[in-house]
Amino acid sequence: MKKIHWLLGVVVSAIVLAACGNKAYVQKDPTVDFSKIRTYAWVRAEKEKGSARPGRTNDLTDNKIRASMDKNLYAQGWRMTRNRPDVLLVYDVDIQKEVRNIKDPVYSQPMTRWYYSPYRRGYYPVYYPSEFLGYSNQQQTVNEGTLTLTILDAQTEKTIWQGWTTSDVNGRRMTDKEIDDNVKAIVKKLG
């Protein structure tokens, strides 16, 4: 019986953890057979003249995203090569401010009042529980980061697959954990 409870606890935990992960979205060309793709090469996005634009990835973030992508693609059986790759990869990070409306329920405070009873000749408490009063509406500004991976056919340079995921970002840059979680969610959709 203890084994059944333990197994049930493990299954429920796995379902809860799977539901908490980042959700990735995909668009792909249905005519392409992705099982034949085994090699890739990175394409550098051209930087604008002058200084880098604010909100764009820096070299540390760029290296972390590429390393995380390489690790996850290697686990899928893909290999990076510079000579005649099957596909070309490019990614984009977009961090924007978004205003969200938040509705919080509002309840009254529970209280106890004391009443004098002339029949019983004493004070007796009457408890009043909290009551639902409505909703409190407020607006909150959130940084929302979107990581997009685009796969191009190496011969035609046409987009054959694109995956992206969006998550809340604590600062102006994505942390290493946010990068890893987002990359895993996107690359999982390749398999």
N, C-alpha and C. Protein backbone atom coordinates (compact mmCIF):
# COMPACT_ATOMS: atom_id res chain seq x y z
N MET A 1 0.82 -1.19 0.00
CA MET A 1 0.00 0.00 0.00
C MET A 1 0.86 1.25 0.00
N LYS A 2 1.99 1.21 0.74
CA LYS A 2 2.88 2.36 0.79
C LYS A 2 3.50 2.62 -0.57
N LYS A 3 3.78 1.54 -1.32
CA LYS A 3 4.36 1.71 -2.65
C LYS A 3 3.37 2.39 -3.60
N ILE A 4 2.11 2.07 -3.47
CA ILE A 4 1.09 2.69 -4.32
C ILE A 4 0.98 4.18 -4.01
N HIS A 5 0.99 4.54 -2.73
CA HIS A 5 0.94 5.96 -2.35
C HIS A 5 2.18 6.70 -2.84
N TRP A 6 3.34 6.06 -2.72
CA TRP A 6 4.58 6.67 -3.18
C TRP A 6 4.56 6.87 -4.69
N LEU A 7 4.11 5.85 -5.42
CA LEU A 7 4.03 5.94 -6.88
C LEU A 7 3.02 7.00 -7.30
N LEU A 8 1.91 7.07 -6.62
CA LEU A 8 0.90 8.09 -6.92
C LEU A 8 1.46 9.48 -6.66
N GLY A 9 2.24 9.65 -5.59
CA GLY A 9 2.86 10.94 -5.29
C GLY A 9 3.85 11.34 -6.37
N VAL A 10 4.62 10.40 -6.88
CA VAL A 10 5.59 10.68 -7.94
C VAL A 10 4.88 11.09 -9.22
N VAL A 11 3.81 10.38 -9.58
CA VAL A 11 3.06 10.70 -10.80
C VAL A 11 2.43 12.08 -10.70
N VAL A 12 1.81 12.39 -9.58
CA VAL A 12 1.18 13.70 -9.39
C VAL A 12 2.24 14.80 -9.44
N SER A 13 3.40 14.58 -8.82
CA SER A 13 4.48 15.57 -8.85
C SER A 13 4.97 15.80 -10.27
N ALA A 14 5.10 14.75 -11.05
CA ALA A 14 5.56 14.89 -12.43
C ALA A 14 4.56 15.68 -13.26
N ILE A 15 3.28 15.44 -13.06
CA ILE A 15 2.26 16.18 -13.80
C ILE A 15 2.28 17.66 -13.42
N VAL A 16 2.42 17.94 -12.13
CA VAL A 16 2.46 19.34 -11.68
C VAL A 16 3.69 20.04 -12.24
N LEU A 17 4.85 19.40 -12.20
CA LEU A 17 6.07 20.02 -12.72
C LEU A 17 5.99 20.22 -14.23
N ALA A 18 5.38 19.29 -14.94
CA ALA A 18 5.24 19.44 -16.40
C ALA A 18 4.31 20.60 -16.74
N ALA A 19 3.30 20.82 -15.93
CA ALA A 19 2.37 21.91 -16.19
C ALA A 19 3.00 23.27 -15.88
N CYS A 20 4.02 23.30 -15.02
CA CYS A 20 4.65 24.57 -14.65
C CYS A 20 5.68 25.04 -15.66
N GLY A 21 6.07 24.22 -16.62
CA GLY A 21 7.11 24.58 -17.58
C GLY A 21 6.65 25.64 -18.56
N ASN A 22 7.63 26.21 -19.27
CA ASN A 22 7.32 27.21 -20.28
C ASN A 22 6.64 26.56 -21.46
N LYS A 23 5.72 27.28 -22.05
CA LYS A 23 5.00 26.77 -23.21
C LYS A 23 5.61 27.37 -24.46
N ALA A 24 5.95 26.52 -25.40
CA ALA A 24 6.55 26.96 -26.65
C ALA A 24 5.54 26.80 -27.79
N TYR A 25 5.64 27.66 -28.77
CA TYR A 25 4.77 27.65 -29.93
C TYR A 25 5.62 27.43 -31.17
N VAL A 26 5.05 26.77 -32.17
CA VAL A 26 5.82 26.39 -33.36
C VAL A 26 5.03 26.65 -34.62
N GLN A 27 5.76 27.10 -35.65
CA GLN A 27 5.25 27.13 -37.02
C GLN A 27 6.27 26.38 -37.85
N LYS A 28 5.81 25.48 -38.73
CA LYS A 28 6.76 24.74 -39.54
C LYS A 28 6.20 24.44 -40.91
N ASP A 29 7.12 24.17 -41.82
CA ASP A 29 6.77 23.82 -43.19
C ASP A 29 6.44 22.33 -43.21
N PRO A 30 5.22 21.96 -43.56
CA PRO A 30 4.84 20.54 -43.50
C PRO A 30 5.51 19.67 -44.57
N THR A 31 6.11 20.29 -45.58
CA THR A 31 6.74 19.51 -46.65
C THR A 31 8.16 19.08 -46.30
N VAL A 32 8.71 19.58 -45.21
CA VAL A 32 10.09 19.26 -44.85
C VAL A 32 10.12 18.06 -43.91
N ASP A 33 11.03 17.11 -44.20
CA ASP A 33 11.22 15.94 -43.35
C ASP A 33 12.33 16.26 -42.35
N PHE A 34 11.95 16.57 -41.11
CA PHE A 34 12.92 16.98 -40.10
C PHE A 34 13.75 15.82 -39.56
N SER A 35 13.36 14.58 -39.84
CA SER A 35 14.15 13.45 -39.37
C SER A 35 15.47 13.32 -40.13
N LYS A 36 15.58 13.93 -41.29
CA LYS A 36 16.80 13.87 -42.09
C LYS A 36 17.79 14.97 -41.73
N ILE A 37 17.37 15.93 -40.93
CA ILE A 37 18.25 17.05 -40.57
C ILE A 37 19.13 16.62 -39.40
N ARG A 38 20.45 16.71 -39.59
CA ARG A 38 21.39 16.32 -38.55
C ARG A 38 22.48 17.36 -38.30
N THR A 39 22.72 18.28 -39.22
CA THR A 39 23.78 19.27 -39.03
C THR A 39 23.21 20.68 -39.17
N TYR A 40 23.85 21.61 -38.48
CA TYR A 40 23.40 23.01 -38.52
C TYR A 40 24.60 23.93 -38.38
N ALA A 41 24.37 25.19 -38.72
CA ALA A 41 25.36 26.25 -38.53
C ALA A 41 24.61 27.49 -38.07
N TRP A 42 25.28 28.31 -37.28
CA TRP A 42 24.68 29.55 -36.78
C TRP A 42 24.86 30.67 -37.80
N VAL A 43 23.87 31.51 -37.91
CA VAL A 43 23.95 32.71 -38.74
C VAL A 43 23.96 33.89 -37.78
N ARG A 44 24.91 34.76 -37.93
CA ARG A 44 24.98 35.95 -37.08
C ARG A 44 24.03 37.00 -37.64
N ALA A 45 23.18 37.54 -36.77
CA ALA A 45 22.32 38.65 -37.19
C ALA A 45 23.18 39.89 -37.35
N GLU A 46 22.94 40.64 -38.41
CA GLU A 46 23.76 41.83 -38.65
C GLU A 46 23.41 42.91 -37.65
N LYS A 47 24.46 43.49 -37.05
CA LYS A 47 24.25 44.57 -36.10
C LYS A 47 24.13 45.89 -36.85
N GLU A 48 23.35 46.77 -36.28
CA GLU A 48 23.20 48.08 -36.90
C GLU A 48 24.48 48.87 -36.75
N LYS A 49 24.69 49.83 -37.61
CA LYS A 49 25.88 50.66 -37.53
C LYS A 49 25.85 51.47 -36.24
N GLY A 50 27.02 51.71 -35.70
CA GLY A 50 27.09 52.48 -34.45
C GLY A 50 26.98 51.54 -33.27
N SER A 51 26.54 52.07 -32.16
CA SER A 51 26.44 51.27 -30.94
C SER A 51 25.25 50.34 -31.01
N ALA A 52 25.31 49.33 -30.18
CA ALA A 52 24.22 48.37 -30.13
C ALA A 52 22.96 49.04 -29.61
N ARG A 53 21.82 48.61 -30.12
CA ARG A 53 20.55 49.18 -29.67
C ARG A 53 20.25 48.73 -28.26
N PRO A 54 19.57 49.60 -27.48
CA PRO A 54 19.21 49.17 -26.13
C PRO A 54 18.22 48.02 -26.18
N GLY A 55 18.35 47.09 -25.23
CA GLY A 55 17.43 45.97 -25.17
C GLY A 55 17.89 44.80 -26.01
N ARG A 56 18.94 44.95 -26.81
CA ARG A 56 19.47 43.86 -27.62
C ARG A 56 20.39 43.01 -26.76
N THR A 57 20.67 41.79 -27.22
CA THR A 57 21.52 40.90 -26.44
C THR A 57 22.97 41.36 -26.48
N ASN A 58 23.67 41.17 -25.38
CA ASN A 58 25.09 41.46 -25.34
C ASN A 58 25.85 40.16 -25.61
N ASP A 59 27.19 40.24 -25.62
CA ASP A 59 27.99 39.06 -25.95
C ASP A 59 27.82 37.93 -24.94
N LEU A 60 27.70 38.26 -23.65
CA LEU A 60 27.52 37.22 -22.64
C LEU A 60 26.19 36.49 -22.82
N THR A 61 25.14 37.24 -23.06
CA THR A 61 23.83 36.63 -23.28
C THR A 61 23.83 35.83 -24.57
N ASP A 62 24.46 36.37 -25.61
CA ASP A 62 24.56 35.68 -26.90
C ASP A 62 25.26 34.34 -26.73
N ASN A 63 26.38 34.33 -26.01
CA ASN A 63 27.12 33.08 -25.79
C ASN A 63 26.30 32.08 -24.98
N LYS A 64 25.57 32.57 -23.98
CA LYS A 64 24.76 31.68 -23.15
C LYS A 64 23.62 31.06 -23.95
N ILE A 65 22.95 31.86 -24.78
CA ILE A 65 21.85 31.34 -25.59
C ILE A 65 22.36 30.30 -26.58
N ARG A 66 23.47 30.61 -27.26
CA ARG A 66 24.03 29.66 -28.23
C ARG A 66 24.50 28.38 -27.55
N ALA A 67 25.15 28.50 -26.40
CA ALA A 67 25.62 27.31 -25.69
C ALA A 67 24.45 26.44 -25.23
N SER A 68 23.40 27.07 -24.75
CA SER A 68 22.22 26.32 -24.32
C SER A 68 21.54 25.65 -25.52
N MET A 69 21.44 26.36 -26.63
CA MET A 69 20.85 25.78 -27.85
C MET A 69 21.71 24.60 -28.33
N ASP A 70 23.05 24.80 -28.37
CA ASP A 70 23.95 23.73 -28.83
C ASP A 70 23.80 22.48 -27.96
N LYS A 71 23.75 22.67 -26.63
CA LYS A 71 23.62 21.54 -25.72
C LYS A 71 22.31 20.79 -25.95
N ASN A 72 21.21 21.53 -26.09
CA ASN A 72 19.91 20.88 -26.28
C ASN A 72 19.77 20.26 -27.66
N LEU A 73 20.33 20.89 -28.69
CA LEU A 73 20.28 20.30 -30.04
C LEU A 73 21.17 19.06 -30.11
N TYR A 74 22.30 19.06 -29.41
CA TYR A 74 23.18 17.89 -29.36
C TYR A 74 22.42 16.71 -28.74
N ALA A 75 21.63 16.98 -27.71
CA ALA A 75 20.82 15.94 -27.08
C ALA A 75 19.77 15.39 -28.05
N GLN A 76 19.34 16.20 -29.03
CA GLN A 76 18.38 15.76 -30.04
C GLN A 76 19.05 15.01 -31.20
N GLY A 77 20.41 14.97 -31.18
CA GLY A 77 21.13 14.27 -32.24
C GLY A 77 21.65 15.18 -33.34
N TRP A 78 21.55 16.48 -33.16
CA TRP A 78 22.05 17.43 -34.15
C TRP A 78 23.50 17.78 -33.83
N ARG A 79 24.30 18.07 -34.89
CA ARG A 79 25.69 18.45 -34.72
C ARG A 79 25.95 19.76 -35.46
N MET A 80 26.79 20.62 -34.83
CA MET A 80 27.14 21.87 -35.48
C MET A 80 28.32 21.62 -36.43
N THR A 81 28.24 22.20 -37.62
CA THR A 81 29.31 22.08 -38.60
C THR A 81 29.41 23.38 -39.38
N ARG A 82 30.59 23.64 -39.90
CA ARG A 82 30.79 24.83 -40.73
C ARG A 82 30.75 24.49 -42.22
N ASN A 83 30.92 23.21 -42.54
CA ASN A 83 30.94 22.78 -43.94
C ASN A 83 29.62 22.13 -44.33
N ARG A 84 28.91 22.75 -45.22
CA ARG A 84 27.66 22.24 -45.81
C ARG A 84 26.66 21.73 -44.77
N PRO A 85 26.15 22.62 -43.92
CA PRO A 85 25.14 22.18 -42.94
C PRO A 85 23.79 21.94 -43.64
N ASP A 86 22.96 21.16 -42.98
CA ASP A 86 21.61 20.92 -43.49
C ASP A 86 20.74 22.16 -43.33
N VAL A 87 20.87 22.84 -42.19
CA VAL A 87 20.05 24.02 -41.89
C VAL A 87 20.91 25.11 -41.27
N LEU A 88 20.36 26.32 -41.29
CA LEU A 88 20.98 27.48 -40.65
C LEU A 88 20.08 27.93 -39.51
N LEU A 89 20.68 28.32 -38.40
CA LEU A 89 19.91 28.75 -37.24
C LEU A 89 20.16 30.22 -36.96
N VAL A 90 19.11 30.92 -36.56
CA VAL A 90 19.21 32.29 -36.09
C VAL A 90 18.19 32.45 -34.97
N TYR A 91 18.53 33.26 -33.97
CA TYR A 91 17.60 33.47 -32.87
C TYR A 91 17.40 34.97 -32.68
N ASP A 92 16.33 35.30 -31.95
CA ASP A 92 16.04 36.69 -31.64
C ASP A 92 15.47 36.75 -30.23
N VAL A 93 15.85 37.78 -29.49
CA VAL A 93 15.32 38.02 -28.15
C VAL A 93 14.65 39.39 -28.17
N ASP A 94 13.41 39.42 -27.71
CA ASP A 94 12.66 40.67 -27.67
C ASP A 94 12.08 40.83 -26.27
N ILE A 95 12.45 41.92 -25.61
CA ILE A 95 11.93 42.20 -24.26
C ILE A 95 11.10 43.48 -24.34
N GLN A 96 9.82 43.35 -23.96
CA GLN A 96 8.90 44.48 -24.03
C GLN A 96 8.17 44.63 -22.70
N LYS A 97 7.75 45.87 -22.45
CA LYS A 97 6.92 46.12 -21.27
C LYS A 97 5.47 45.89 -21.65
N GLU A 98 4.76 45.25 -20.75
CA GLU A 98 3.35 44.97 -20.97
C GLU A 98 2.58 45.38 -19.73
N VAL A 99 1.43 45.99 -19.92
CA VAL A 99 0.57 46.38 -18.81
C VAL A 99 -0.52 45.32 -18.66
N ARG A 100 -0.61 44.74 -17.47
CA ARG A 100 -1.61 43.71 -17.21
C ARG A 100 -2.61 44.22 -16.19
N ASN A 101 -3.85 43.86 -16.39
CA ASN A 101 -4.90 44.16 -15.41
C ASN A 101 -5.01 42.97 -14.46
N ILE A 102 -4.95 43.28 -13.18
CA ILE A 102 -5.02 42.23 -12.16
C ILE A 102 -6.26 42.47 -11.32
N LYS A 103 -7.09 41.42 -11.21
CA LYS A 103 -8.30 41.50 -10.39
C LYS A 103 -8.07 40.65 -9.15
N ASP A 104 -8.04 41.30 -7.99
CA ASP A 104 -7.89 40.60 -6.72
C ASP A 104 -9.22 40.63 -5.97
N PRO A 105 -9.63 39.49 -5.41
CA PRO A 105 -10.87 39.50 -4.63
C PRO A 105 -10.68 40.28 -3.33
N VAL A 106 -11.75 40.95 -2.90
CA VAL A 106 -11.72 41.74 -1.67
C VAL A 106 -12.76 41.17 -0.71
N TYR A 107 -12.34 40.94 0.53
CA TYR A 107 -13.22 40.39 1.56
C TYR A 107 -13.25 41.34 2.76
N SER A 108 -14.37 41.32 3.46
CA SER A 108 -14.46 42.11 4.69
C SER A 108 -13.71 41.37 5.80
N GLN A 109 -13.37 42.12 6.85
CA GLN A 109 -12.68 41.52 7.98
C GLN A 109 -13.70 40.78 8.86
N PRO A 110 -13.37 39.56 9.28
CA PRO A 110 -14.28 38.89 10.21
C PRO A 110 -14.23 39.60 11.56
N MET A 111 -15.33 39.55 12.26
CA MET A 111 -15.34 40.23 13.56
C MET A 111 -16.29 39.52 14.52
N THR A 112 -16.07 39.82 15.78
CA THR A 112 -16.93 39.30 16.84
C THR A 112 -17.49 40.49 17.61
N ARG A 113 -18.80 40.51 17.76
CA ARG A 113 -19.45 41.58 18.54
C ARG A 113 -20.08 40.96 19.79
N TRP A 114 -20.09 41.75 20.84
CA TRP A 114 -20.66 41.30 22.11
C TRP A 114 -21.99 42.00 22.33
N TYR A 115 -23.00 41.21 22.63
CA TYR A 115 -24.34 41.75 22.89
C TYR A 115 -24.78 41.35 24.30
N TYR A 116 -25.55 42.28 24.86
CA TYR A 116 -26.12 42.00 26.19
C TYR A 116 -27.48 41.34 25.98
N SER A 117 -27.70 40.24 26.67
CA SER A 117 -28.97 39.54 26.59
C SER A 117 -29.72 39.73 27.91
N PRO A 118 -30.85 40.47 27.84
CA PRO A 118 -31.59 40.68 29.08
C PRO A 118 -32.24 39.39 29.60
N TYR A 119 -32.49 38.45 28.71
CA TYR A 119 -33.11 37.20 29.15
C TYR A 119 -32.12 36.31 29.89
N ARG A 120 -30.87 36.32 29.43
CA ARG A 120 -29.85 35.47 30.03
C ARG A 120 -28.98 36.25 31.00
N ARG A 121 -29.16 37.56 31.01
CA ARG A 121 -28.46 38.46 31.92
C ARG A 121 -26.94 38.34 31.82
N GLY A 122 -26.45 38.58 30.60
CA GLY A 122 -25.01 38.55 30.40
C GLY A 122 -24.65 38.95 28.98
N TYR A 123 -23.35 39.11 28.73
CA TYR A 123 -22.85 39.43 27.40
C TYR A 123 -22.45 38.14 26.69
N TYR A 124 -22.83 38.08 25.40
CA TYR A 124 -22.55 36.89 24.61
C TYR A 124 -21.98 37.30 23.25
N PRO A 125 -20.98 36.54 22.76
CA PRO A 125 -20.37 36.91 21.48
C PRO A 125 -21.21 36.41 20.29
N VAL A 126 -21.18 37.21 19.23
CA VAL A 126 -21.78 36.80 17.95
C VAL A 126 -20.68 36.99 16.90
N TYR A 127 -20.35 35.92 16.20
CA TYR A 127 -19.26 35.94 15.22
C TYR A 127 -19.83 36.24 13.83
N TYR A 128 -19.21 37.21 13.14
CA TYR A 128 -19.57 37.55 11.77
C TYR A 128 -18.39 37.17 10.86
N PRO A 129 -18.53 36.15 10.00
CA PRO A 129 -17.41 35.75 9.13
C PRO A 129 -17.18 36.79 8.03
N SER A 130 -16.03 36.68 7.37
CA SER A 130 -15.74 37.62 6.28
C SER A 130 -16.69 37.36 5.12
N GLU A 131 -16.99 38.42 4.37
CA GLU A 131 -17.90 38.34 3.23
C GLU A 131 -17.19 38.85 1.99
N PHE A 132 -17.55 38.28 0.84
CA PHE A 132 -16.99 38.72 -0.43
C PHE A 132 -17.60 40.07 -0.79
N LEU A 133 -16.74 41.07 -1.05
CA LEU A 133 -17.22 42.42 -1.36
C LEU A 133 -17.12 42.76 -2.84
N GLY A 134 -16.26 42.06 -3.58
CA GLY A 134 -16.07 42.37 -5.00
C GLY A 134 -14.62 42.19 -5.37
N TYR A 135 -14.21 42.91 -6.41
CA TYR A 135 -12.84 42.80 -6.90
C TYR A 135 -12.14 44.15 -6.86
N SER A 136 -10.85 44.11 -6.60
CA SER A 136 -9.99 45.29 -6.66
C SER A 136 -9.22 45.21 -7.98
N ASN A 137 -9.40 46.19 -8.86
CA ASN A 137 -8.71 46.19 -10.14
C ASN A 137 -7.48 47.08 -10.05
N GLN A 138 -6.35 46.56 -10.52
CA GLN A 138 -5.13 47.35 -10.57
C GLN A 138 -4.32 46.96 -11.80
N GLN A 139 -3.45 47.85 -12.23
CA GLN A 139 -2.61 47.58 -13.38
C GLN A 139 -1.18 47.40 -12.93
N GLN A 140 -0.49 46.45 -13.56
CA GLN A 140 0.90 46.17 -13.21
C GLN A 140 1.71 46.11 -14.51
N THR A 141 2.86 46.76 -14.51
CA THR A 141 3.75 46.74 -15.67
C THR A 141 4.74 45.59 -15.50
N VAL A 142 4.83 44.74 -16.53
CA VAL A 142 5.66 43.55 -16.47
C VAL A 142 6.58 43.54 -17.69
N ASN A 143 7.84 43.14 -17.51
CA ASN A 143 8.73 42.91 -18.63
C ASN A 143 8.49 41.50 -19.14
N GLU A 144 8.21 41.40 -20.43
CA GLU A 144 7.91 40.12 -21.04
C GLU A 144 8.97 39.83 -22.10
N GLY A 145 9.68 38.71 -21.96
CA GLY A 145 10.75 38.36 -22.89
C GLY A 145 10.30 37.25 -23.82
N THR A 146 10.57 37.41 -25.11
CA THR A 146 10.25 36.40 -26.11
C THR A 146 11.53 35.95 -26.78
N LEU A 147 11.79 34.65 -26.74
CA LEU A 147 12.95 34.05 -27.40
C LEU A 147 12.43 33.27 -28.60
N THR A 148 12.97 33.59 -29.79
CA THR A 148 12.52 32.96 -31.03
C THR A 148 13.70 32.28 -31.70
N LEU A 149 13.54 31.02 -32.08
CA LEU A 149 14.53 30.28 -32.85
C LEU A 149 13.97 30.05 -34.24
N THR A 150 14.73 30.45 -35.25
CA THR A 150 14.31 30.27 -36.64
C THR A 150 15.29 29.33 -37.33
N ILE A 151 14.76 28.33 -38.06
CA ILE A 151 15.58 27.39 -38.80
C ILE A 151 15.35 27.63 -40.28
N LEU A 152 16.45 27.84 -41.01
CA LEU A 152 16.40 28.11 -42.44
C LEU A 152 17.01 26.95 -43.20
N ASP A 153 16.45 26.64 -44.38
CA ASP A 153 17.05 25.66 -45.26
C ASP A 153 18.37 26.22 -45.76
N ALA A 154 19.45 25.46 -45.68
CA ALA A 154 20.78 25.97 -46.03
C ALA A 154 20.90 26.27 -47.52
N GLN A 155 20.20 25.53 -48.40
CA GLN A 155 20.31 25.77 -49.84
C GLN A 155 19.46 26.95 -50.30
N THR A 156 18.22 27.03 -49.83
CA THR A 156 17.30 28.06 -50.32
C THR A 156 17.19 29.27 -49.39
N GLU A 157 17.66 29.12 -48.14
CA GLU A 157 17.56 30.15 -47.12
C GLU A 157 16.11 30.57 -46.83
N LYS A 158 15.20 29.64 -47.02
CA LYS A 158 13.80 29.87 -46.67
C LYS A 158 13.55 29.33 -45.27
N THR A 159 12.67 29.99 -44.55
CA THR A 159 12.32 29.55 -43.20
C THR A 159 11.51 28.26 -43.28
N ILE A 160 11.98 27.22 -42.58
CA ILE A 160 11.26 25.95 -42.57
C ILE A 160 10.68 25.63 -41.19
N TRP A 161 11.16 26.31 -40.15
CA TRP A 161 10.67 26.06 -38.80
C TRP A 161 10.94 27.28 -37.95
N GLN A 162 9.98 27.60 -37.09
CA GLN A 162 10.17 28.71 -36.16
C GLN A 162 9.47 28.36 -34.85
N GLY A 163 10.21 28.48 -33.76
CA GLY A 163 9.66 28.21 -32.43
C GLY A 163 9.93 29.37 -31.51
N TRP A 164 8.98 29.68 -30.65
CA TRP A 164 9.16 30.80 -29.73
C TRP A 164 8.45 30.53 -28.42
N THR A 165 8.93 31.18 -27.40
CA THR A 165 8.32 31.09 -26.08
C THR A 165 8.42 32.46 -25.41
N THR A 166 7.44 32.75 -24.59
CA THR A 166 7.37 34.03 -23.90
C THR A 166 7.27 33.79 -22.41
N SER A 167 8.02 34.57 -21.64
CA SER A 167 7.96 34.45 -20.19
C SER A 167 8.22 35.81 -19.56
N ASP A 168 7.81 35.95 -18.31
CA ASP A 168 8.07 37.19 -17.57
C ASP A 168 9.55 37.25 -17.21
N VAL A 169 10.13 38.42 -17.37
CA VAL A 169 11.55 38.64 -17.09
C VAL A 169 11.65 39.60 -15.92
N ASN A 170 12.52 39.29 -14.97
CA ASN A 170 12.64 40.12 -13.77
C ASN A 170 13.34 41.45 -14.03
N GLY A 171 14.24 41.49 -14.97
CA GLY A 171 14.98 42.72 -15.25
C GLY A 171 14.94 43.04 -16.73
N ARG A 172 15.92 43.81 -17.19
CA ARG A 172 15.98 44.15 -18.60
C ARG A 172 16.63 43.04 -19.41
N ARG A 173 17.28 42.10 -18.75
CA ARG A 173 17.96 40.99 -19.41
C ARG A 173 17.40 39.67 -18.88
N MET A 174 17.53 38.63 -19.68
CA MET A 174 17.11 37.31 -19.25
C MET A 174 18.23 36.68 -18.43
N THR A 175 17.86 36.00 -17.34
CA THR A 175 18.86 35.32 -16.52
C THR A 175 19.23 33.99 -17.18
N ASP A 176 20.29 33.37 -16.67
CA ASP A 176 20.73 32.09 -17.23
C ASP A 176 19.66 31.02 -17.09
N LYS A 177 18.96 31.00 -15.97
CA LYS A 177 17.90 30.01 -15.77
C LYS A 177 16.74 30.25 -16.74
N GLU A 178 16.37 31.52 -16.94
CA GLU A 178 15.29 31.83 -17.88
C GLU A 178 15.68 31.43 -19.30
N ILE A 179 16.94 31.65 -19.65
CA ILE A 179 17.41 31.25 -20.98
C ILE A 179 17.33 29.74 -21.13
N ASP A 180 17.85 28.99 -20.15
CA ASP A 180 17.82 27.53 -20.23
C ASP A 180 16.40 26.99 -20.30
N ASP A 181 15.50 27.51 -19.48
CA ASP A 181 14.12 27.03 -19.48
C ASP A 181 13.45 27.30 -20.83
N ASN A 182 13.66 28.50 -21.37
CA ASN A 182 13.04 28.85 -22.65
C ASN A 182 13.61 28.02 -23.79
N VAL A 183 14.93 27.82 -23.80
CA VAL A 183 15.56 27.02 -24.87
C VAL A 183 15.07 25.58 -24.81
N LYS A 184 14.99 25.00 -23.62
CA LYS A 184 14.50 23.62 -23.49
C LYS A 184 13.08 23.50 -24.02
N ALA A 185 12.23 24.47 -23.72
CA ALA A 185 10.85 24.42 -24.18
C ALA A 185 10.78 24.48 -25.70
N ILE A 186 11.63 25.30 -26.32
CA ILE A 186 11.60 25.44 -27.78
C ILE A 186 12.16 24.19 -28.45
N VAL A 187 13.34 23.72 -28.00
CA VAL A 187 13.99 22.59 -28.66
C VAL A 187 13.19 21.30 -28.46
N LYS A 188 12.45 21.20 -27.37
CA LYS A 188 11.60 20.03 -27.14
C LYS A 188 10.57 19.86 -28.26
N LYS A 189 10.15 20.98 -28.85
CA LYS A 189 9.15 20.95 -29.92
C LYS A 189 9.73 20.43 -31.24
N LEU A 190 11.06 20.36 -31.34
CA LEU A 190 11.68 19.84 -32.56
C LEU A 190 11.49 18.34 -32.68
N GLY A 191 11.51 17.63 -31.56
CA GLY A 191 11.48 16.18 -31.56
C GLY A 191 10.14 15.60 -31.81
